[in-house]
Amino acid sequence: MQKRKNIDPTAGPALEQLIKIVKKLRGPDGCEWDKAQTHKSLRPYLLEEAHEVIESINEEDPSKIKEELGDLLLHIVFQAELGDEKKEFHLTDSIDHICKKLIRRHPHVFSDTKVNGISDIKKNWEEIKKSEGRKSMMEGLPKSMPALLLARRIQERAAEVNFDWNDITYVWDKIDEEILELHEAIEEKDIDHIEDEFGDILFALVNLSRFLKINPEEALKRTNRKFLSRFKKIEKKIDENGLKFNELSIEELEKYWQEIKTIE
């Protein structure tokens, strides 16, 4: 196999071609749909493409990862083109910004700073971010992130400055405490209090996932897929038996569920 070069010489021309295509799509003789788009109107599509990249990574399909990265890159170029049209910024400004940031935040690679393991790297990273003007450890966390992932990042940020338990036992205790408080809120029949306490339980469970070194978002997605698969199998089995789903009791449906679960 031919050894790959450190820098792909075709990357520049390929990116230039994509930029030209987007400019043409936005031009006078371009596509009406593309010309109508704004930063905000493209948000759901950008998010969708990011999720598709993640899904292709989860499937460990290099061909699909390649394809989905291209789709995501289109949105990055498109957003930059919108900024360029308003003379606010250009794609090269974004590239220049991230290049400088990476060099600045990796002094152990690009200068003579010495580190002893990943913990030192993380510590330096946070100190550099503070020197850049960050007033809080929690600054920069996107509010639009899925709630489970945002909770995980909040907890990771707190742990970086040792605001964290050093034993999983305390995590279990916190979960028990939050469940008890939810029971109390339910007895009070206060919907706002119930929602608060339910959120506290989820936050505590996310913290448990961190101690167990698992991704809470992926864990829930896995459970969702498992439930959907079993539910569809139950539907199929009920249909094969000439019965109707909504005419069966919960006890009868539970028997189907346990049967499918045992087979799996």
C-alpha atoms as a PDB file:
ATOM      1  CA  MET A   1       0.000   0.000   0.000  1.00  0.00           C
ATOM      2  CA  GLN A   2       1.299   3.429  -0.943  1.00  0.00           C
ATOM      3  CA  LYS A   3       2.207   5.565   2.045  1.00  0.00           C
ATOM      4  CA  ARG A   4      -0.084   8.572   2.439  1.00  0.00           C
ATOM      5  CA  LYS A   5       1.474  12.012   2.501  1.00  0.00           C
ATOM      6  CA  ASN A   6       1.108  14.173   5.616  1.00  0.00           C
ATOM      7  CA  ILE A   7      -0.703  16.850   3.611  1.00  0.00           C
ATOM      8  CA  ASP A   8      -3.037  16.029   0.737  1.00  0.00           C
ATOM      9  CA  PRO A   9      -1.948  18.264  -2.187  1.00  0.00           C
ATOM     10  CA  THR A  10      -5.455  18.031  -3.677  1.00  0.00           C
ATOM     11  CA  ALA A  11      -7.184  19.395  -0.563  1.00  0.00           C
ATOM     12  CA  GLY A  12      -6.727  23.041  -1.561  1.00  0.00           C
ATOM     13  CA  PRO A  13      -8.060  22.754  -5.140  1.00  0.00           C
ATOM     14  CA  ALA A  14     -10.911  20.506  -3.979  1.00  0.00           C
ATOM     15  CA  LEU A  15     -11.974  23.034  -1.345  1.00  0.00           C
ATOM     16  CA  GLU A  16     -11.730  25.858  -3.875  1.00  0.00           C
ATOM     17  CA  GLN A  17     -14.004  23.926  -6.238  1.00  0.00           C
ATOM     18  CA  LEU A  18     -16.586  23.454  -3.482  1.00  0.00           C
ATOM     19  CA  ILE A  19     -16.469  27.169  -2.669  1.00  0.00           C
ATOM     20  CA  LYS A  20     -17.003  28.014  -6.365  1.00  0.00           C
ATOM     21  CA  ILE A  21     -19.977  25.627  -6.556  1.00  0.00           C
ATOM     22  CA  VAL A  22     -21.609  27.208  -3.501  1.00  0.00           C
ATOM     23  CA  LYS A  23     -21.001  30.704  -4.908  1.00  0.00           C
ATOM     24  CA  LYS A  24     -22.650  29.649  -8.180  1.00  0.00           C
ATOM     25  CA  LEU A  25     -25.622  28.183  -6.339  1.00  0.00           C
ATOM     26  CA  ARG A  26     -26.019  31.506  -4.529  1.00  0.00           C
ATOM     27  CA  GLY A  27     -25.393  33.580  -7.670  1.00  0.00           C
ATOM     28  CA  PRO A  28     -27.900  35.275 -10.014  1.00  0.00           C
ATOM     29  CA  ASP A  29     -28.212  32.155 -12.190  1.00  0.00           C
ATOM     30  CA  GLY A  30     -28.092  29.761  -9.255  1.00  0.00           C
ATOM     31  CA  CYS A  31     -30.687  27.747  -7.350  1.00  0.00           C
ATOM     32  CA  GLU A  32     -33.683  29.610  -5.925  1.00  0.00           C
ATOM     33  CA  TRP A  33     -33.724  27.409  -2.815  1.00  0.00           C
ATOM     34  CA  ASP A  34     -30.027  27.971  -2.099  1.00  0.00           C
ATOM     35  CA  LYS A  35     -30.380  31.721  -2.681  1.00  0.00           C
ATOM     36  CA  ALA A  36     -33.214  31.888  -0.158  1.00  0.00           C
ATOM     37  CA  GLN A  37     -31.199  30.358   2.686  1.00  0.00           C
ATOM     38  CA  THR A  38     -29.844  32.216   5.725  1.00  0.00           C
ATOM     39  CA  HIS A  39     -27.619  31.302   8.678  1.00  0.00           C
ATOM     40  CA  LYS A  40     -30.725  30.512  10.729  1.00  0.00           C
ATOM     41  CA  SER A  41     -32.693  28.651   8.049  1.00  0.00           C
ATOM     42  CA  LEU A  42     -29.806  26.201   7.591  1.00  0.00           C
ATOM     43  CA  ARG A  43     -29.540  25.310  11.286  1.00  0.00           C
ATOM     44  CA  PRO A  44     -31.708  22.148  11.203  1.00  0.00           C
ATOM     45  CA  TYR A  45     -29.862  20.814   8.145  1.00  0.00           C
ATOM     46  CA  LEU A  46     -26.471  21.511   9.717  1.00  0.00           C
ATOM     47  CA  LEU A  47     -27.520  19.652  12.857  1.00  0.00           C
ATOM     48  CA  GLU A  48     -28.918  16.780  10.784  1.00  0.00           C
ATOM     49  CA  GLU A  49     -25.650  16.407   8.856  1.00  0.00           C
ATOM     50  CA  ALA A  50     -23.637  16.407  12.087  1.00  0.00           C
ATOM     51  CA  HIS A  51     -25.837  13.617  13.444  1.00  0.00           C
ATOM     52  CA  GLU A  52     -25.386  11.645  10.215  1.00  0.00           C
ATOM     53  CA  VAL A  53     -21.611  11.899  10.580  1.00  0.00           C
ATOM     54  CA  ILE A  54     -21.900  10.540  14.112  1.00  0.00           C
ATOM     55  CA  GLU A  55     -24.164   7.720  12.942  1.00  0.00           C
ATOM     56  CA  SER A  56     -21.689   6.711  10.219  1.00  0.00           C
ATOM     57  CA  ILE A  57     -18.897   6.672  12.811  1.00  0.00           C
ATOM     58  CA  ASN A  58     -21.024   4.481  15.080  1.00  0.00           C
ATOM     59  CA  GLU A  59     -21.558   2.101  12.153  1.00  0.00           C
ATOM     60  CA  GLU A  60     -17.773   2.074  11.529  1.00  0.00           C
ATOM     61  CA  ASP A  61     -18.378   2.518   7.804  1.00  0.00           C
ATOM     62  CA  PRO A  62     -15.411   4.429   6.256  1.00  0.00           C
ATOM     63  CA  SER A  63     -17.236   4.927   2.962  1.00  0.00           C
ATOM     64  CA  LYS A  64     -20.233   6.461   4.704  1.00  0.00           C
ATOM     65  CA  ILE A  65     -18.027   8.577   7.002  1.00  0.00           C
ATOM     66  CA  LYS A  66     -16.304   9.969   3.902  1.00  0.00           C
ATOM     67  CA  GLU A  67     -19.650  10.815   2.314  1.00  0.00           C
ATOM     68  CA  GLU A  68     -21.194  12.364   5.414  1.00  0.00           C
ATOM     69  CA  LEU A  69     -18.105  14.480   6.133  1.00  0.00           C
ATOM     70  CA  GLY A  70     -18.502  15.924   2.643  1.00  0.00           C
ATOM     71  CA  ASP A  71     -22.130  16.803   3.382  1.00  0.00           C
ATOM     72  CA  LEU A  72     -21.088  18.465   6.641  1.00  0.00           C
ATOM     73  CA  LEU A  73     -18.279  20.356   4.909  1.00  0.00           C
ATOM     74  CA  LEU A  74     -20.828  21.742   2.449  1.00  0.00           C
ATOM     75  CA  HIS A  75     -22.682  23.366   5.329  1.00  0.00           C
ATOM     76  CA  ILE A  76     -19.488  24.856   6.745  1.00  0.00           C
ATOM     77  CA  VAL A  77     -18.633  26.352   3.359  1.00  0.00           C
ATOM     78  CA  PHE A  78     -22.246  27.506   2.891  1.00  0.00           C
ATOM     79  CA  GLN A  79     -22.298  29.283   6.267  1.00  0.00           C
ATOM     80  CA  ALA A  80     -18.972  30.934   5.466  1.00  0.00           C
ATOM     81  CA  GLU A  81     -20.296  32.056   2.069  1.00  0.00           C
ATOM     82  CA  LEU A  82     -23.242  33.753   3.787  1.00  0.00           C
ATOM     83  CA  GLY A  83     -20.783  35.611   6.008  1.00  0.00           C
ATOM     84  CA  ASP A  84     -18.648  36.542   3.006  1.00  0.00           C
ATOM     85  CA  GLU A  85     -21.633  37.927   1.092  1.00  0.00           C
ATOM     86  CA  LYS A  86     -22.342  40.318   3.974  1.00  0.00           C
ATOM     87  CA  LYS A  87     -18.610  41.112   4.182  1.00  0.00           C
ATOM     88  CA  GLU A  88     -18.622  39.921   7.795  1.00  0.00           C
ATOM     89  CA  PHE A  89     -15.989  37.172   7.477  1.00  0.00           C
ATOM     90  CA  HIS A  90     -14.504  34.724   4.997  1.00  0.00           C
ATOM     91  CA  LEU A  91     -13.855  30.993   5.252  1.00  0.00           C
ATOM     92  CA  THR A  92     -10.124  31.695   5.480  1.00  0.00           C
ATOM     93  CA  ASP A  93     -10.824  33.780   8.606  1.00  0.00           C
ATOM     94  CA  SER A  94     -12.426  30.748  10.242  1.00  0.00           C
ATOM     95  CA  ILE A  95      -9.528  28.522   9.199  1.00  0.00           C
ATOM     96  CA  ASP A  96      -6.961  31.067  10.394  1.00  0.00           C
ATOM     97  CA  HIS A  97      -8.791  31.383  13.731  1.00  0.00           C
ATOM     98  CA  ILE A  98      -8.789  27.647  14.447  1.00  0.00           C
ATOM     99  CA  CYS A  99      -5.165  27.250  13.331  1.00  0.00           C
ATOM    100  CA  LYS A 100      -4.014  29.945  15.759  1.00  0.00           C
ATOM    101  CA  LYS A 101      -6.180  28.496  18.537  1.00  0.00           C
ATOM    102  CA  LEU A 102      -4.793  24.978  18.092  1.00  0.00           C
ATOM    103  CA  ILE A 103      -1.200  26.207  18.120  1.00  0.00           C
ATOM    104  CA  ARG A 104      -1.840  28.440  21.149  1.00  0.00           C
ATOM    105  CA  ARG A 105      -3.560  25.689  23.137  1.00  0.00           C
ATOM    106  CA  HIS A 106      -0.948  23.016  22.367  1.00  0.00           C
ATOM    107  CA  PRO A 107       2.281  24.590  23.635  1.00  0.00           C
ATOM    108  CA  HIS A 108       3.626  21.113  24.419  1.00  0.00           C
ATOM    109  CA  VAL A 109       3.523  20.393  20.678  1.00  0.00           C
ATOM    110  CA  PHE A 110       4.279  23.751  19.054  1.00  0.00           C
ATOM    111  CA  SER A 111       6.665  25.217  21.656  1.00  0.00           C
ATOM    112  CA  ASP A 112       8.930  24.004  24.444  1.00  0.00           C
ATOM    113  CA  THR A 113       6.318  23.471  27.200  1.00  0.00           C
ATOM    114  CA  LYS A 114       6.863  20.173  29.035  1.00  0.00           C
ATOM    115  CA  VAL A 115       3.947  17.991  30.171  1.00  0.00           C
ATOM    116  CA  ASN A 116       3.648  14.757  32.094  1.00  0.00           C
ATOM    117  CA  GLY A 117       0.609  12.973  30.703  1.00  0.00           C
ATOM    118  CA  ILE A 118      -2.915  13.921  29.685  1.00  0.00           C
ATOM    119  CA  SER A 119      -3.778  15.491  33.067  1.00  0.00           C
ATOM    120  CA  ASP A 120      -1.092  18.148  32.535  1.00  0.00           C
ATOM    121  CA  ILE A 121      -2.361  18.750  28.998  1.00  0.00           C
ATOM    122  CA  LYS A 122      -5.914  19.316  30.257  1.00  0.00           C
ATOM    123  CA  LYS A 123      -4.665  21.606  33.027  1.00  0.00           C
ATOM    124  CA  ASN A 124      -2.657  23.708  30.572  1.00  0.00           C
ATOM    125  CA  TRP A 125      -5.643  23.802  28.209  1.00  0.00           C
ATOM    126  CA  GLU A 126      -7.889  25.303  30.891  1.00  0.00           C
ATOM    127  CA  GLU A 127      -5.247  27.797  32.024  1.00  0.00           C
ATOM    128  CA  ILE A 128      -4.766  28.959  28.438  1.00  0.00           C
ATOM    129  CA  LYS A 129      -8.523  29.357  27.977  1.00  0.00           C
ATOM    130  CA  LYS A 130      -8.620  31.501  31.127  1.00  0.00           C
ATOM    131  CA  SER A 131      -5.815  33.671  29.760  1.00  0.00           C
ATOM    132  CA  GLU A 132      -7.952  34.168  26.642  1.00  0.00           C
ATOM    133  CA  GLY A 133     -10.528  35.977  28.758  1.00  0.00           C
ATOM    134  CA  ARG A 134     -12.875  33.230  29.893  1.00  0.00           C
ATOM    135  CA  LYS A 135     -14.521  34.301  33.159  1.00  0.00           C
ATOM    136  CA  SER A 136     -16.197  30.988  34.014  1.00  0.00           C
ATOM    137  CA  MET A 137     -15.352  27.324  33.574  1.00  0.00           C
ATOM    138  CA  MET A 138     -18.816  26.944  32.081  1.00  0.00           C
ATOM    139  CA  GLU A 139     -18.431  29.533  29.335  1.00  0.00           C
ATOM    140  CA  GLY A 140     -18.664  28.267  25.773  1.00  0.00           C
ATOM    141  CA  LEU A 141     -21.020  25.364  26.421  1.00  0.00           C
ATOM    142  CA  PRO A 142     -23.632  25.441  23.618  1.00  0.00           C
ATOM    143  CA  LYS A 143     -27.152  25.602  25.029  1.00  0.00           C
ATOM    144  CA  SER A 144     -28.499  23.834  21.946  1.00  0.00           C
ATOM    145  CA  MET A 145     -26.644  20.598  22.789  1.00  0.00           C
ATOM    146  CA  PRO A 146     -28.801  17.582  23.668  1.00  0.00           C
ATOM    147  CA  ALA A 147     -29.528  17.846  27.391  1.00  0.00           C
ATOM    148  CA  LEU A 148     -27.793  14.585  28.331  1.00  0.00           C
ATOM    149  CA  LEU A 149     -24.604  15.566  26.528  1.00  0.00           C
ATOM    150  CA  LEU A 150     -24.701  19.074  27.966  1.00  0.00           C
ATOM    151  CA  ALA A 151     -25.074  17.647  31.478  1.00  0.00           C
ATOM    152  CA  ARG A 152     -22.076  15.402  30.821  1.00  0.00           C
ATOM    153  CA  ARG A 153     -19.934  18.344  29.616  1.00  0.00           C
ATOM    154  CA  ILE A 154     -20.985  20.486  32.607  1.00  0.00           C
ATOM    155  CA  GLN A 155     -19.905  17.725  34.977  1.00  0.00           C
ATOM    156  CA  GLU A 156     -16.629  17.188  33.118  1.00  0.00           C
ATOM    157  CA  ARG A 157     -15.850  20.907  33.319  1.00  0.00           C
ATOM    158  CA  ALA A 158     -16.561  20.897  37.072  1.00  0.00           C
ATOM    159  CA  ALA A 159     -14.375  17.816  37.548  1.00  0.00           C
ATOM    160  CA  GLU A 160     -11.460  19.553  35.822  1.00  0.00           C
ATOM    161  CA  VAL A 161     -11.206  21.895  38.830  1.00  0.00           C
ATOM    162  CA  ASN A 162     -11.758  19.031  41.318  1.00  0.00           C
ATOM    163  CA  PHE A 163     -15.431  19.848  41.989  1.00  0.00           C
ATOM    164  CA  ASP A 164     -16.176  16.148  41.927  1.00  0.00           C
ATOM    165  CA  TRP A 165     -16.564  13.083  44.094  1.00  0.00           C
ATOM    166  CA  ASN A 166     -13.642  10.704  44.242  1.00  0.00           C
ATOM    167  CA  ASP A 167     -15.754   7.599  44.877  1.00  0.00           C
ATOM    168  CA  ILE A 168     -18.743   6.235  42.943  1.00  0.00           C
ATOM    169  CA  THR A 169     -20.447   5.410  46.257  1.00  0.00           C
ATOM    170  CA  TYR A 170     -21.331   9.082  46.679  1.00  0.00           C
ATOM    171  CA  VAL A 171     -22.864   9.091  43.195  1.00  0.00           C
ATOM    172  CA  TRP A 172     -25.166   6.206  44.128  1.00  0.00           C
ATOM    173  CA  ASP A 173     -26.104   8.016  47.350  1.00  0.00           C
ATOM    174  CA  LYS A 174     -27.002  11.119  45.353  1.00  0.00           C
ATOM    175  CA  ILE A 175     -29.223   9.113  43.009  1.00  0.00           C
ATOM    176  CA  ASP A 176     -31.052   7.580  45.984  1.00  0.00           C
ATOM    177  CA  GLU A 177     -31.456  11.045  47.512  1.00  0.00           C
ATOM    178  CA  GLU A 178     -32.884  12.509  44.297  1.00  0.00           C
ATOM    179  CA  ILE A 179     -35.334   9.618  43.842  1.00  0.00           C
ATOM    180  CA  LEU A 180     -36.610  10.151  47.400  1.00  0.00           C
ATOM    181  CA  GLU A 181     -37.052  13.874  46.700  1.00  0.00           C
ATOM    182  CA  LEU A 182     -39.001  13.069  43.527  1.00  0.00           C
ATOM    183  CA  HIS A 183     -41.366  10.860  45.553  1.00  0.00           C
ATOM    184  CA  GLU A 184     -41.914  13.781  47.940  1.00  0.00           C
ATOM    185  CA  ALA A 185     -42.579  16.187  45.059  1.00  0.00           C
ATOM    186  CA  ILE A 186     -45.114  13.770  43.555  1.00  0.00           C
ATOM    187  CA  GLU A 187     -46.933  13.561  46.889  1.00  0.00           C
ATOM    188  CA  GLU A 188     -47.078  17.372  46.934  1.00  0.00           C
ATOM    189  CA  LYS A 189     -48.579  17.288  43.403  1.00  0.00           C
ATOM    190  CA  ASP A 190     -46.474  20.312  42.455  1.00  0.00           C
ATOM    191  CA  ILE A 191     -45.682  19.898  38.740  1.00  0.00           C
ATOM    192  CA  ASP A 192     -42.806  22.424  38.789  1.00  0.00           C
ATOM    193  CA  HIS A 193     -41.227  20.706  41.775  1.00  0.00           C
ATOM    194  CA  ILE A 194     -41.744  17.310  40.129  1.00  0.00           C
ATOM    195  CA  GLU A 195     -40.014  18.506  36.964  1.00  0.00           C
ATOM    196  CA  ASP A 196     -37.100  19.914  38.990  1.00  0.00           C
ATOM    197  CA  GLU A 197     -36.601  16.690  40.894  1.00  0.00           C
ATOM    198  CA  PHE A 198     -36.962  14.546  37.766  1.00  0.00           C
ATOM    199  CA  GLY A 199     -34.254  16.665  36.137  1.00  0.00           C
ATOM    200  CA  ASP A 200     -32.055  16.200  39.208  1.00  0.00           C
ATOM    201  CA  ILE A 201     -32.366  12.420  38.843  1.00  0.00           C
ATOM    202  CA  LEU A 202     -31.341  12.580  35.188  1.00  0.00           C
ATOM    203  CA  PHE A 203     -28.390  14.813  36.085  1.00  0.00           C
ATOM    204  CA  ALA A 204     -27.312  12.362  38.786  1.00  0.00           C
ATOM    205  CA  LEU A 205     -27.626   9.429  36.359  1.00  0.00           C
ATOM    206  CA  VAL A 206     -25.493  11.286  33.813  1.00  0.00           C
ATOM    207  CA  ASN A 207     -22.899  11.704  36.548  1.00  0.00           C
ATOM    208  CA  LEU A 208     -23.041   7.943  37.121  1.00  0.00           C
ATOM    209  CA  SER A 209     -22.441   7.375  33.408  1.00  0.00           C
ATOM    210  CA  ARG A 210     -19.323   9.527  33.684  1.00  0.00           C
ATOM    211  CA  PHE A 211     -17.968   7.390  36.518  1.00  0.00           C
ATOM    212  CA  LEU A 212     -18.801   4.251  34.503  1.00  0.00           C
ATOM    213  CA  LYS A 213     -17.072   5.782  31.455  1.00  0.00           C
ATOM    214  CA  ILE A 214     -20.058   5.431  29.143  1.00  0.00           C
ATOM    215  CA  ASN A 215     -21.803   8.000  26.947  1.00  0.00           C
ATOM    216  CA  PRO A 216     -25.327   8.647  28.333  1.00  0.00           C
ATOM    217  CA  GLU A 217     -26.633   9.811  24.951  1.00  0.00           C
ATOM    218  CA  GLU A 218     -25.389   6.682  23.210  1.00  0.00           C
ATOM    219  CA  ALA A 219     -26.672   4.480  26.033  1.00  0.00           C
ATOM    220  CA  LEU A 220     -30.171   5.934  25.669  1.00  0.00           C
ATOM    221  CA  LYS A 221     -30.029   5.634  21.881  1.00  0.00           C
ATOM    222  CA  ARG A 222     -29.066   1.980  22.298  1.00  0.00           C
ATOM    223  CA  THR A 223     -32.044   1.401  24.570  1.00  0.00           C
ATOM    224  CA  ASN A 224     -34.318   3.213  22.115  1.00  0.00           C
ATOM    225  CA  ARG A 225     -33.148   0.947  19.283  1.00  0.00           C
ATOM    226  CA  LYS A 226     -33.634  -2.126  21.451  1.00  0.00           C
ATOM    227  CA  PHE A 227     -37.157  -1.091  22.458  1.00  0.00           C
ATOM    228  CA  LEU A 228     -38.146  -0.302  18.856  1.00  0.00           C
ATOM    229  CA  SER A 229     -36.804  -3.628  17.640  1.00  0.00           C
ATOM    230  CA  ARG A 230     -38.680  -5.614  20.299  1.00  0.00           C
ATOM    231  CA  PHE A 231     -41.870  -3.611  19.829  1.00  0.00           C
ATOM    232  CA  LYS A 232     -41.898  -4.281  16.082  1.00  0.00           C
ATOM    233  CA  LYS A 233     -41.343  -7.995  16.721  1.00  0.00           C
ATOM    234  CA  ILE A 234     -44.297  -8.017  19.117  1.00  0.00           C
ATOM    235  CA  GLU A 235     -46.450  -6.293  16.496  1.00  0.00           C
ATOM    236  CA  LYS A 236     -45.448  -8.891  13.929  1.00  0.00           C
ATOM    237  CA  LYS A 237     -46.146 -11.804  16.260  1.00  0.00           C
ATOM    238  CA  ILE A 238     -49.539 -10.447  17.279  1.00  0.00           C
ATOM    239  CA  ASP A 239     -50.437  -9.942  13.630  1.00  0.00           C
ATOM    240  CA  GLU A 240     -49.356 -13.504  12.784  1.00  0.00           C
ATOM    241  CA  ASN A 241     -51.658 -14.760  15.540  1.00  0.00           C
ATOM    242  CA  GLY A 242     -54.581 -12.885  13.982  1.00  0.00           C
ATOM    243  CA  LEU A 243     -54.948 -10.571  16.978  1.00  0.00           C
ATOM    244  CA  LYS A 244     -55.129  -6.788  17.392  1.00  0.00           C
ATOM    245  CA  PHE A 245     -52.530  -4.984  19.505  1.00  0.00           C
ATOM    246  CA  ASN A 246     -54.931  -2.525  21.156  1.00  0.00           C
ATOM    247  CA  GLU A 247     -57.364  -5.284  22.157  1.00  0.00           C
ATOM    248  CA  LEU A 248     -54.808  -7.145  24.286  1.00  0.00           C
ATOM    249  CA  SER A 249     -54.350  -6.529  28.015  1.00  0.00           C
ATOM    250  CA  ILE A 250     -51.064  -5.253  29.429  1.00  0.00           C
ATOM    251  CA  GLU A 251     -50.536  -8.702  30.967  1.00  0.00           C
ATOM    252  CA  GLU A 252     -50.882 -10.376  27.562  1.00  0.00           C
ATOM    253  CA  LEU A 253     -48.578  -7.818  25.948  1.00  0.00           C
ATOM    254  CA  GLU A 254     -46.017  -8.356  28.711  1.00  0.00           C
ATOM    255  CA  LYS A 255     -45.970 -12.081  27.904  1.00  0.00           C
ATOM    256  CA  TYR A 256     -45.147 -11.265  24.285  1.00  0.00           C
ATOM    257  CA  TRP A 257     -42.449  -8.859  25.461  1.00  0.00           C
ATOM    258  CA  GLN A 258     -40.816 -11.440  27.728  1.00  0.00           C
ATOM    259  CA  GLU A 259     -40.988 -14.042  24.963  1.00  0.00           C
ATOM    260  CA  ILE A 260     -39.186 -11.765  22.492  1.00  0.00           C
ATOM    261  CA  LYS A 261     -36.688 -10.758  25.176  1.00  0.00           C
ATOM    262  CA  THR A 262     -35.911 -14.417  25.933  1.00  0.00           C
ATOM    263  CA  ILE A 263     -35.372 -15.212  22.242  1.00  0.00           C
ATOM    264  CA  GLU A 264     -32.933 -12.289  21.921  1.00  0.00           C
END
